[in-house]
Amino acid sequence: KDKERRERQRAERKARERDESERHQMESDVRTRLASGDLKAVCAERVERALLSEAVQQQIEERAAAQIAAAKQEERTRLEAERDAKVAAARHKEDMRLSEAARVH
């Protein structure tokens, strides 16, 4: 049993070492490709293709339209509040003028 356990541990260790070596080689390859610009160009091309797809363009248009509509609504609400405040101030001023006139007469 001891021998089987040692062999199993040795096999597991070799598998871990092999995985680590493969990971290291892959990382090295990615760094080399990034440095050479090869991988950057491929990634940029894929991103550009994805951005130019109809689905993405439609999402962009929908989001832009929603943001524009929200901004317009916010501005409309702000203007309405400003108008209401001016009307209230004018009414208050008129009420004060009328009460002053009534008090004088």
Protein backbone atom coordinates (compact mmCIF):
# COMPACT_ATOMS: atom_id res chain seq x y z
CA LYS A 1 0.00 0.00 0.00
CA ASP A 2 2.88 2.36 0.79
CA LYS A 3 4.36 1.74 -2.64
CA GLU A 4 0.99 2.42 -4.35
CA ARG A 5 0.57 5.63 -2.35
CA ARG A 6 4.09 6.83 -3.28
CA GLU A 7 3.50 6.03 -6.95
CA ARG A 8 0.14 7.84 -6.89
CA GLN A 9 1.75 10.86 -5.21
CA ARG A 10 4.59 10.81 -7.73
CA ALA A 11 2.08 10.67 -10.63
CA GLU A 12 0.06 13.52 -9.12
CA ARG A 13 3.22 15.60 -8.62
CA LYS A 14 4.31 14.97 -12.23
CA ALA A 15 0.82 15.94 -13.46
CA ARG A 16 0.97 19.17 -11.41
CA GLU A 17 4.45 19.94 -12.73
CA ARG A 18 3.31 19.27 -16.30
CA ASP A 19 0.25 21.53 -15.82
CA GLU A 20 2.46 24.25 -14.33
CA SER A 21 4.91 23.94 -17.22
CA GLU A 22 2.09 24.15 -19.78
CA ARG A 23 0.60 27.18 -18.01
CA HIS A 24 3.99 28.87 -17.90
CA GLN A 25 4.57 28.15 -21.60
CA MET A 26 1.12 29.50 -22.49
CA GLU A 27 1.69 32.67 -20.46
CA SER A 28 5.07 33.12 -22.10
CA ASP A 29 3.50 32.68 -25.54
CA VAL A 30 0.77 35.21 -24.74
CA ARG A 31 3.36 37.74 -23.49
CA THR A 32 5.44 37.23 -26.64
CA ARG A 33 2.41 37.62 -28.91
CA LEU A 34 1.28 40.72 -27.03
CA ALA A 35 4.74 42.23 -27.29
CA SER A 36 4.94 41.52 -31.01
CA GLY A 37 1.49 43.00 -31.61
CA ASP A 38 0.16 39.79 -33.14
CA LEU A 39 -2.36 39.11 -30.37
CA LYS A 40 -3.28 42.79 -30.04
CA ALA A 41 -4.18 42.96 -33.72
CA VAL A 42 -6.27 39.80 -33.53
CA CYS A 43 -8.10 41.03 -30.43
CA ALA A 44 -8.66 44.49 -31.91
CA GLU A 45 -10.06 42.95 -35.08
CA ARG A 46 -12.45 40.74 -33.11
CA VAL A 47 -13.62 43.67 -30.99
CA GLU A 48 -14.12 45.83 -34.08
CA ARG A 49 -16.14 43.09 -35.79
CA ALA A 50 -18.25 42.66 -32.65
CA LEU A 51 -18.86 46.40 -32.37
CA LEU A 52 -19.90 46.64 -36.00
CA SER A 53 -22.40 43.78 -35.74
CA GLU A 54 -26.07 44.66 -36.17
CA ALA A 55 -26.98 43.49 -32.68
CA VAL A 56 -24.39 45.71 -31.02
CA GLN A 57 -25.27 48.67 -33.23
CA GLN A 58 -28.92 48.22 -32.30
CA GLN A 59 -28.04 48.10 -28.59
CA ILE A 60 -25.97 51.27 -28.95
CA GLU A 61 -28.81 53.05 -30.74
CA GLU A 62 -31.37 51.90 -28.15
CA ARG A 63 -29.18 52.97 -25.23
CA ALA A 64 -28.44 56.31 -26.85
CA ALA A 65 -32.13 56.92 -27.51
CA ALA A 66 -33.00 55.99 -23.93
CA GLN A 67 -30.32 58.31 -22.55
CA ILE A 68 -31.46 61.17 -24.77
CA ALA A 69 -35.08 60.63 -23.73
CA ALA A 70 -34.09 60.55 -20.05
CA ALA A 71 -32.06 63.75 -20.43
CA LYS A 72 -34.97 65.48 -22.19
CA GLN A 73 -37.39 64.37 -19.48
CA GLU A 74 -35.02 65.58 -16.78
CA GLU A 75 -34.70 68.97 -18.48
CA ARG A 76 -38.48 69.16 -18.97
CA THR A 77 -39.02 68.40 -15.27
CA ARG A 78 -36.43 71.02 -14.28
CA LEU A 79 -38.05 73.67 -16.49
CA GLU A 80 -41.53 72.85 -15.14
CA ALA A 81 -40.28 73.18 -11.56
CA GLU A 82 -38.59 76.49 -12.41
CA ARG A 83 -41.77 77.77 -14.07
CA ASP A 84 -43.92 76.69 -11.12
CA ALA A 85 -41.56 78.45 -8.71
CA LYS A 86 -41.71 81.68 -10.78
CA VAL A 87 -45.52 81.52 -10.96
CA ALA A 88 -45.73 80.95 -7.19
CA ALA A 89 -43.38 83.87 -6.56
CA ALA A 90 -45.39 86.13 -8.88
CA ARG A 91 -48.67 85.12 -7.17
CA HIS A 92 -47.15 85.76 -3.76
CA LYS A 93 -45.89 89.17 -4.91
CA GLU A 94 -49.35 90.01 -6.31
CA ASP A 95 -51.07 88.84 -3.12
CA MET A 96 -48.72 91.03 -1.08
CA ARG A 97 -49.43 94.01 -3.38
CA LEU A 98 -53.20 93.48 -3.11
CA SER A 99 -53.12 93.10 0.68
CA GLU A 100 -50.99 96.25 0.93
CA ALA A 101 -53.45 98.10 -1.32
CA ALA A 102 -56.41 96.85 0.75
CA ARG A 103 -54.70 97.93 3.96
CA VAL A 104 -53.99 101.40 2.62
CA HIS A 105 -57.58 101.98 1.45
